[in-house]
Amino acid sequence: MAWRQGLAYGQDLRDRVLAARDAGQSVRAVAERFFVSPSYVAKADRRRRRTGERQARRGSGRPPAKIVAHLAALTERVAAQPDATLAELRGWLLAECGVAVGLVTVWRALKRLGVTLKKANPGGRTGPP
């Protein structure tokens, strides 16, 4: 099973991991057996003991709170300067709005707004090399 960043493990694997813990296997033994991290096993087991939850929780799907207040300004900025790069927009957010965010946060905010940025043609080439 390959690790997929940001995605929950399947319910079948989660059930097998918890059943192995119920059978008395150690956290490390379960992790090695199912090719997951020991911290995943411990956290899944702890959450089940505390709350009874066996399913993975869904992500919030919300943009980070620090950029929410500036989404309208970001949209206007992109409309005024459609060729701006993510790095330029990030710098603008810091300089004009006082918001320090990563490039991925800017990209996700633009995606949420339905705004797309296209790469400039590097080197001014018009066709294949």
Protein backbone atom coordinates (compact mmCIF):
# COMPACT_ATOMS: atom_id res chain seq x y z
CA MET A 1 0.00 0.00 0.00
CA ALA A 2 1.48 3.33 -1.03
CA TRP A 3 1.33 6.35 1.25
CA ARG A 4 -0.83 9.15 -0.13
CA GLN A 5 -0.24 12.51 1.48
CA GLY A 6 -3.43 14.21 2.59
CA LEU A 7 -5.66 11.21 1.92
CA ALA A 8 -7.09 8.93 4.58
CA TYR A 9 -6.37 5.22 4.56
CA GLY A 10 -9.26 3.01 3.46
CA GLN A 11 -11.81 1.80 5.98
CA ASP A 12 -10.82 -1.84 5.41
CA LEU A 13 -7.22 -1.13 6.43
CA ARG A 14 -8.37 0.95 9.39
CA ASP A 15 -10.58 -1.93 10.58
CA ARG A 16 -7.74 -4.46 10.24
CA VAL A 17 -5.33 -2.20 12.14
CA LEU A 18 -7.81 -1.73 14.99
CA ALA A 19 -8.63 -5.46 15.06
CA ALA A 20 -4.92 -6.26 15.39
CA ARG A 21 -4.68 -3.84 18.32
CA ASP A 22 -7.74 -5.49 19.89
CA ALA A 23 -5.95 -8.84 19.54
CA GLY A 24 -3.16 -7.48 21.73
CA GLN A 25 -0.47 -6.73 19.15
CA SER A 26 1.85 -3.84 19.92
CA VAL A 27 1.66 -0.55 18.04
CA ARG A 28 4.98 -1.24 16.31
CA ALA A 29 4.03 -4.79 15.33
CA VAL A 30 0.75 -3.60 13.80
CA ALA A 31 2.51 -0.78 11.96
CA GLU A 32 5.07 -3.16 10.46
CA ARG A 33 2.43 -5.74 9.56
CA PHE A 34 0.22 -3.28 7.67
CA PHE A 35 2.96 -0.93 6.37
CA VAL A 36 1.67 2.15 8.17
CA SER A 37 3.39 4.45 10.64
CA PRO A 38 3.34 3.68 14.36
CA SER A 39 1.87 7.12 14.99
CA TYR A 40 -1.09 6.31 12.71
CA VAL A 41 -1.78 3.12 14.65
CA ALA A 42 -1.51 4.86 18.01
CA LYS A 43 -3.69 7.81 16.98
CA ALA A 44 -6.40 5.64 15.38
CA ASP A 45 -6.48 3.41 18.45
CA ARG A 46 -6.54 6.36 20.89
CA ARG A 47 -9.33 8.12 19.00
CA ARG A 48 -11.41 4.96 18.91
CA ARG A 49 -10.95 4.45 22.67
CA ARG A 50 -11.82 8.08 23.47
CA THR A 51 -14.69 8.74 21.08
CA GLY A 52 -15.67 5.37 19.61
CA GLU A 53 -14.99 6.66 16.08
CA ARG A 54 -13.69 4.11 13.61
CA GLN A 55 -13.99 6.14 10.40
CA ALA A 56 -11.60 8.74 9.05
CA ARG A 57 -12.67 12.32 9.52
CA ARG A 58 -13.26 14.49 6.50
CA GLY A 59 -11.11 17.54 5.89
CA SER A 60 -12.64 20.97 6.37
CA GLY A 61 -12.28 22.11 2.75
CA ARG A 62 -11.98 25.70 3.94
CA PRO A 63 -9.23 28.11 2.95
CA PRO A 64 -6.88 29.15 5.76
CA ALA A 65 -8.45 31.80 7.98
CA LYS A 66 -5.69 34.33 7.38
CA ILE A 67 -6.46 34.59 3.65
CA VAL A 68 -10.29 34.46 3.80
CA ALA A 69 -10.64 38.18 4.50
CA HIS A 70 -8.52 39.01 1.46
CA LEU A 71 -10.12 36.78 -1.21
CA ALA A 72 -11.98 39.68 -2.84
CA ALA A 73 -8.81 41.80 -2.97
CA LEU A 74 -6.91 38.85 -4.42
CA THR A 75 -9.52 38.44 -7.15
CA GLU A 76 -9.28 42.13 -8.02
CA ARG A 77 -5.49 41.94 -8.10
CA VAL A 78 -5.55 39.02 -10.52
CA ALA A 79 -8.07 40.85 -12.72
CA ALA A 80 -5.81 43.93 -12.76
CA GLN A 81 -2.62 41.92 -13.35
CA PRO A 82 -3.59 38.61 -15.00
CA ASP A 83 0.01 37.65 -15.78
CA ALA A 84 1.09 37.75 -12.12
CA THR A 85 2.88 34.68 -10.84
CA LEU A 86 1.97 32.95 -7.59
CA ALA A 87 5.17 34.33 -6.06
CA GLU A 88 4.21 37.87 -7.09
CA LEU A 89 0.72 37.45 -5.64
CA ARG A 90 2.20 36.06 -2.46
CA GLY A 91 4.51 39.10 -2.20
CA TRP A 92 1.59 41.43 -2.87
CA LEU A 93 -0.46 39.77 -0.11
CA LEU A 94 2.40 40.31 2.31
CA ALA A 95 3.14 43.90 1.27
CA GLU A 96 -0.42 45.20 0.83
CA CYS A 97 -2.47 43.03 3.19
CA GLY A 98 0.13 42.00 5.76
CA VAL A 99 -0.67 38.31 5.22
CA ALA A 100 2.21 35.83 5.10
CA VAL A 101 1.11 32.62 3.33
CA GLY A 102 2.76 29.94 1.24
CA LEU A 103 2.53 29.55 -2.51
CA VAL A 104 0.24 26.54 -2.15
CA THR A 105 -2.18 28.61 -0.07
CA VAL A 106 -2.31 31.25 -2.81
CA TRP A 107 -2.81 28.56 -5.44
CA ARG A 108 -5.63 26.91 -3.47
CA ALA A 109 -7.33 30.26 -2.87
CA LEU A 110 -7.23 31.03 -6.60
CA LYS A 111 -8.52 27.58 -7.44
CA ARG A 112 -11.39 28.05 -5.00
CA LEU A 113 -12.22 31.37 -6.66
CA GLY A 114 -12.15 29.75 -10.11
CA VAL A 115 -9.19 31.87 -11.20
CA THR A 116 -6.54 30.20 -13.31
CA LEU A 117 -3.03 31.41 -13.98
CA LYS A 118 -1.16 30.30 -17.07
CA LYS A 119 2.59 30.07 -17.32
CA ALA A 120 4.26 32.64 -19.51
CA ASN A 121 5.97 31.28 -22.60
CA PRO A 122 9.56 30.76 -21.34
CA GLY A 123 12.18 32.37 -23.51
CA GLY A 124 9.59 33.73 -25.92
CA ARG A 125 9.59 30.55 -28.01
CA THR A 126 6.60 30.01 -30.23
CA GLY A 127 6.98 26.32 -30.95
CA PRO A 128 8.77 23.15 -29.94
CA PRO A 129 12.57 23.39 -29.63
